[in-house]
Protein backbone atom coordinates (compact mmCIF):
# COMPACT_ATOMS: atom_id res chain seq x y z
CA UNK A 1 0.03 -0.19 0.34
CA UNK A 2 1.53 3.66 -1.27
CA UNK A 3 2.34 6.17 1.62
CA UNK A 4 0.05 8.15 -0.27
CA UNK A 5 -3.12 6.51 0.73
CA UNK A 6 -2.16 7.81 4.31
CA UNK A 7 -1.25 11.30 3.79
CA UNK A 8 -4.89 12.89 4.78
CA UNK A 9 -4.41 10.77 8.32
CA UNK A 10 -0.39 11.35 8.46
CA UNK A 11 -0.90 15.55 7.71
CA UNK A 12 -3.67 16.35 10.71
CA UNK A 13 -2.38 14.85 12.97
CA UNK A 14 1.54 16.94 13.11
CA UNK A 15 1.89 18.64 16.37
CA UNK A 16 4.44 20.31 16.18
CA UNK A 17 6.39 18.38 18.90
CA UNK A 18 3.31 18.88 21.61
CA UNK A 19 2.03 16.30 23.52
CA UNK A 20 -1.84 15.64 23.00
CA UNK A 21 -2.43 16.53 26.53
CA UNK A 22 -0.98 20.07 25.68
CA UNK A 23 -2.84 21.03 22.86
CA UNK A 24 -6.34 19.68 24.25
CA UNK A 25 -5.19 21.97 27.43
CA UNK A 26 -4.25 24.94 25.37
CA UNK A 27 -7.66 24.52 23.21
CA UNK A 28 -9.96 24.03 26.13
CA UNK A 29 -8.11 27.44 27.67
CA UNK A 30 -8.05 29.30 24.46
CA UNK A 31 -12.03 28.48 23.85
CA UNK A 32 -12.67 29.69 27.58
CA UNK A 33 -11.32 32.69 26.84
CA UNK A 34 -12.60 34.18 24.06
CA UNK A 35 -16.45 32.80 25.56
CA UNK A 36 -16.73 31.17 28.71
CA UNK A 37 -20.30 29.97 27.90
CA UNK A 38 -18.23 27.44 25.20
CA UNK A 39 -19.98 24.37 24.75
CA UNK A 40 -17.89 20.58 24.61
CA UNK A 41 -19.22 20.17 20.95
CA UNK A 42 -17.56 23.78 19.85
CA UNK A 43 -14.16 22.62 21.53
CA UNK A 44 -14.32 19.07 20.04
CA UNK A 45 -15.18 20.33 16.51
CA UNK A 46 -11.79 22.90 16.81
CA UNK A 47 -9.58 20.37 18.12
CA UNK A 48 -10.73 18.18 14.69
CA UNK A 49 -10.69 20.83 12.51
CA UNK A 50 -7.54 22.46 13.65
CA UNK A 51 -5.40 19.78 14.77
CA UNK A 52 -7.15 16.43 13.38
CA UNK A 53 -8.10 15.28 17.24
CA UNK A 54 -10.98 13.83 18.05
CA UNK A 55 -11.87 12.86 21.64
CA UNK A 56 -14.77 11.89 23.83
CA UNK A 57 -16.69 14.47 26.13
CA UNK A 58 -16.08 12.80 29.14
CA UNK A 59 -12.09 13.38 28.26
CA UNK A 60 -13.30 16.90 27.85
CA UNK A 61 -15.14 17.61 30.86
CA UNK A 62 -12.68 15.24 32.97
CA UNK A 63 -10.01 18.42 31.25
CA UNK A 64 -12.09 20.83 31.68
CA UNK A 65 -12.27 20.12 36.01
CA UNK A 66 -8.42 19.90 36.49
CA UNK A 67 -7.69 22.96 34.62
CA UNK A 68 -9.99 24.44 37.41
CA UNK A 69 -13.30 25.00 35.53
CA UNK A 70 -16.81 24.77 37.52
CA UNK A 71 -20.13 25.54 36.64
CA UNK A 72 -21.61 28.57 37.95
CA UNK A 73 -24.58 30.22 36.67
CA UNK A 74 -24.14 33.50 34.14
CA UNK A 75 -24.25 37.28 35.26
CA UNK A 76 -25.33 39.77 33.04
CA UNK A 77 -24.13 43.47 32.42
CA UNK A 78 -24.54 46.32 30.78
CA UNK A 79 -22.45 46.49 27.42
CA UNK A 80 -19.95 49.82 26.82
CA UNK A 81 -18.68 51.60 24.45
CA UNK A 82 -15.07 51.56 24.27
CA UNK A 83 -15.23 55.64 24.37
CA UNK A 84 -17.27 54.90 27.50
CA UNK A 85 -14.83 52.77 28.78
CA UNK A 86 -12.17 55.62 28.60
CA UNK A 87 -14.25 58.12 30.06
CA UNK A 88 -14.88 55.45 32.91
CA UNK A 89 -10.84 54.67 33.31
CA UNK A 90 -10.62 58.61 33.27
CA UNK A 91 -12.74 58.95 36.25
CA UNK A 92 -11.59 55.97 38.56
CA UNK A 93 -8.01 57.50 37.95
CA UNK A 94 -8.25 61.07 38.36
CA UNK A 95 -11.13 59.90 41.68
CA UNK A 96 -7.56 58.42 43.38
CA UNK A 97 -5.32 61.17 42.35
CA UNK A 98 -7.42 63.30 44.03
CA UNK A 99 -7.98 60.48 47.16
CA UNK A 100 -11.69 61.22 46.90
CA UNK A 101 -13.41 59.95 49.81
CA UNK A 102 -16.85 60.59 48.43
CA UNK A 103 -17.48 61.63 52.60
CA UNK A 104 -20.38 64.60 51.32
CA UNK A 105 -21.70 62.99 48.71
CA UNK A 106 -25.84 61.11 48.58
CA UNK A 107 -25.48 58.32 45.84
CA UNK A 108 -28.93 58.08 44.63
CA UNK A 109 -30.91 56.07 42.14
CA UNK A 110 -33.96 54.14 40.93
CA UNK A 111 -35.05 50.81 40.88
CA UNK A 112 -37.71 48.72 40.24
CA UNK A 113 -39.20 46.05 41.84
CA UNK A 114 -41.12 43.26 40.88
CA UNK A 115 -43.03 40.82 42.85
CA UNK A 116 -41.85 37.64 41.95
CA UNK A 117 -40.44 34.93 43.68
CA UNK A 118 -38.46 33.35 40.50
CA UNK A 119 -35.27 31.29 41.53
CA UNK A 120 -32.08 30.26 39.56
CA UNK A 121 -32.32 27.06 41.04
CA UNK A 122 -35.02 24.91 42.48
CA UNK A 123 -34.46 20.81 44.11
CA UNK A 124 -36.12 18.29 41.96
CA UNK A 125 -36.34 14.34 41.79
CA UNK A 126 -35.39 12.19 39.18
CA UNK A 127 -38.31 12.22 36.52
CA UNK A 128 -40.39 15.33 37.94
CA UNK A 129 -40.64 17.53 35.68
CA UNK A 130 -43.67 19.74 36.64
CA UNK A 131 -41.18 20.54 39.88
CA UNK A 132 -39.84 22.77 37.77
CA UNK A 133 -42.00 24.66 36.54
CA UNK A 134 -42.38 28.14 37.35
CA UNK A 135 -46.01 30.37 36.31
CA UNK A 136 -44.87 33.98 35.20
CA UNK A 137 -46.99 36.49 34.78
CA UNK A 138 -47.15 38.77 31.54
CA UNK A 139 -47.85 41.87 33.43
CA UNK A 140 -46.41 40.81 36.73
CA UNK A 141 -46.67 43.24 39.35
CA UNK A 142 -43.97 46.30 40.15
CA UNK A 143 -43.15 49.38 42.18
CA UNK A 144 -40.43 52.29 41.31
CA UNK A 145 -38.09 53.35 44.24
CA UNK A 146 -35.58 55.91 44.39
CA UNK A 147 -33.75 55.73 47.65
CA UNK A 148 -30.03 57.55 47.97
CA UNK A 149 -26.86 56.65 51.44
CA UNK A 150 -23.83 58.60 52.38
CA UNK A 151 -21.11 58.14 54.98
CA UNK A 152 -23.98 59.39 57.14
CA UNK A 153 -27.19 57.29 56.56
CA UNK A 154 -29.96 57.31 53.94
CA UNK A 155 -32.78 59.14 52.37
CA UNK A 156 -36.47 59.00 52.82
CA UNK A 157 -37.71 56.18 50.40
CA UNK A 158 -39.76 57.37 47.08
CA UNK A 159 -42.07 54.47 46.14
CA UNK A 160 -44.13 55.28 43.27
CA UNK A 161 -46.23 52.70 40.83
CA UNK A 162 -44.66 51.03 38.31
CA UNK A 163 -47.05 52.00 35.52
CA UNK A 164 -45.56 55.89 36.01
CA UNK A 165 -42.96 57.24 33.99
CA UNK A 166 -40.66 58.85 36.18
CA UNK A 167 -40.13 62.11 33.98
CA UNK A 168 -38.06 65.39 34.85
CA UNK A 169 -40.98 66.98 36.84
CA UNK A 170 -41.63 63.85 39.09
CA UNK A 171 -37.78 63.00 39.30
CA UNK A 172 -38.02 66.54 40.52
CA UNK A 173 -40.41 66.34 43.20
CA UNK A 174 -38.81 63.04 44.47
CA UNK A 175 -35.84 65.48 45.15
CA UNK A 176 -37.35 68.12 46.41
CA UNK A 177 -39.45 66.09 49.15
CA UNK A 178 -36.74 63.62 49.66
CA UNK A 179 -33.37 64.77 48.76
CA UNK A 180 -33.61 68.21 49.75
CA UNK A 181 -34.56 67.55 53.86
CA UNK A 182 -31.69 65.17 54.25
CA UNK A 183 -29.20 67.25 52.97
CA UNK A 184 -29.79 70.29 54.56
CA UNK A 185 -30.64 68.34 57.87
CA UNK A 186 -27.49 66.07 57.68
CA UNK A 187 -25.15 68.07 55.71
CA UNK A 188 -26.27 71.68 55.54
CA UNK A 189 -26.64 71.43 52.34
CA UNK A 190 -23.43 70.94 51.37
CA UNK A 191 -24.00 67.38 49.77
CA UNK A 192 -23.05 66.89 46.46
CA UNK A 193 -25.89 64.85 44.60
CA UNK A 194 -24.73 61.49 42.55
CA UNK A 195 -26.84 59.89 39.60
CA UNK A 196 -26.44 58.76 36.76
CA UNK A 197 -26.73 60.33 32.83
CA UNK A 198 -30.56 59.04 32.77
CA UNK A 199 -32.86 62.19 30.53
CA UNK A 200 -35.05 63.15 33.69
CA UNK A 201 -31.46 63.51 35.69
CA UNK A 202 -30.02 65.85 32.97
CA UNK A 203 -32.70 67.49 31.03
CA UNK A 204 -32.87 71.54 31.14
CA UNK A 205 -36.04 71.54 33.44
CA UNK A 206 -33.92 69.59 36.07
CA UNK A 207 -30.63 71.07 36.03
CA UNK A 208 -32.57 74.52 35.94
CA UNK A 209 -34.14 73.07 39.51
CA UNK A 210 -30.98 71.85 40.74
CA UNK A 211 -29.41 75.41 39.95
CA UNK A 212 -32.36 77.38 41.48
CA UNK A 213 -31.82 74.86 44.86
CA UNK A 214 -28.07 75.37 44.84
CA UNK A 215 -27.05 71.60 44.55
CA UNK A 216 -23.84 70.83 43.67
CA UNK A 217 -23.32 67.33 41.88
CA UNK A 218 -20.06 65.33 41.26
CA UNK A 219 -20.28 64.25 37.53
CA UNK A 220 -20.74 60.02 37.07
CA UNK A 221 -18.94 58.55 34.16
CA UNK A 222 -22.09 57.19 31.26
CA UNK A 223 -23.17 53.71 31.56
CA UNK A 224 -21.69 53.13 34.96
CA UNK A 225 -24.75 52.26 37.26
CA UNK A 226 -22.16 49.19 38.68
CA UNK A 227 -19.50 52.58 40.15
CA UNK A 228 -22.73 53.16 42.20
CA UNK A 229 -22.72 51.62 45.33
CA UNK A 230 -26.92 52.06 46.43
CA UNK A 231 -27.13 49.06 43.61
CA UNK A 232 -25.51 47.06 46.25
CA UNK A 233 -28.30 48.08 48.56
CA UNK A 234 -31.31 47.86 45.52
CA UNK A 235 -29.88 43.84 45.09
CA UNK A 236 -29.46 43.09 49.04
CA UNK A 237 -33.15 44.46 49.09
CA UNK A 238 -34.86 42.27 46.28
CA UNK A 239 -33.15 39.47 48.43
CA UNK A 240 -34.94 39.86 50.85
CA UNK A 241 -37.77 40.78 49.61
CA UNK A 242 -37.66 37.59 47.66
CA UNK A 243 -36.85 35.62 51.32
CA UNK A 244 -40.36 37.54 52.56
CA UNK A 245 -42.13 36.19 50.14
CA UNK A 246 -41.03 33.04 49.70
CA UNK A 247 -41.40 32.34 53.76
CA UNK A 248 -45.55 34.15 53.34
CA UNK A 249 -46.02 31.30 50.24
CA UNK A 250 -44.39 28.76 52.26
CA UNK A 251 -46.31 29.74 55.20
CA UNK A 252 -50.17 29.72 53.88
CA UNK A 253 -48.92 26.10 51.77
CA UNK A 254 -48.28 24.74 54.50
CA UNK A 255 -50.86 25.28 56.74
């Protein structure tokens, strides 16, 4: 049998002196560095197309475990444009250079709370499919909450119907009733307002009102809700409310 008959088998298996385990590790690490959600099937296809290597799913899963990768839930975050990434970096570097402590800042924000008991995990027995199902209303009950936190305490909360759109007029009304009182009583009017770049926050009407009230603001980089510490409060509040709702539902169902 001529050597040419085997050329299609020999050439793909050329590995430039690298061991099979080395190639498997490098390809898997590179795939997960590009996309941490890449499935095993894609890694197998890449190994076959680039190196002519065929391996089993279980072999790749075992190797993935040895490399230190573990399965976890996906967390979603806001996409940031390249230009705004630079603005975020400049802001953070300036704050560090100025040794900013934010001692006179009142961090404010709005958040929407939905009344549901959705969860990412559940515990079921084999074959019990219905235990995984969760009903989801088309239009769940919800409310909007505005609040602020600072090193000297928290503002009052403004609670609004979920159907209400927060425009400039409503936003300024919230500031007048919740922010100004806290700023005057706690900081004697010398606090700085921190809010994001939502249209209602940056409109001509709102800017005029802030100027009339003598409210100073700290310019915040765009697309940066994660830099505002009040976001952590919203997350904790939503978790607490979800637990209270679950306890209440279990109390009713187990009676």
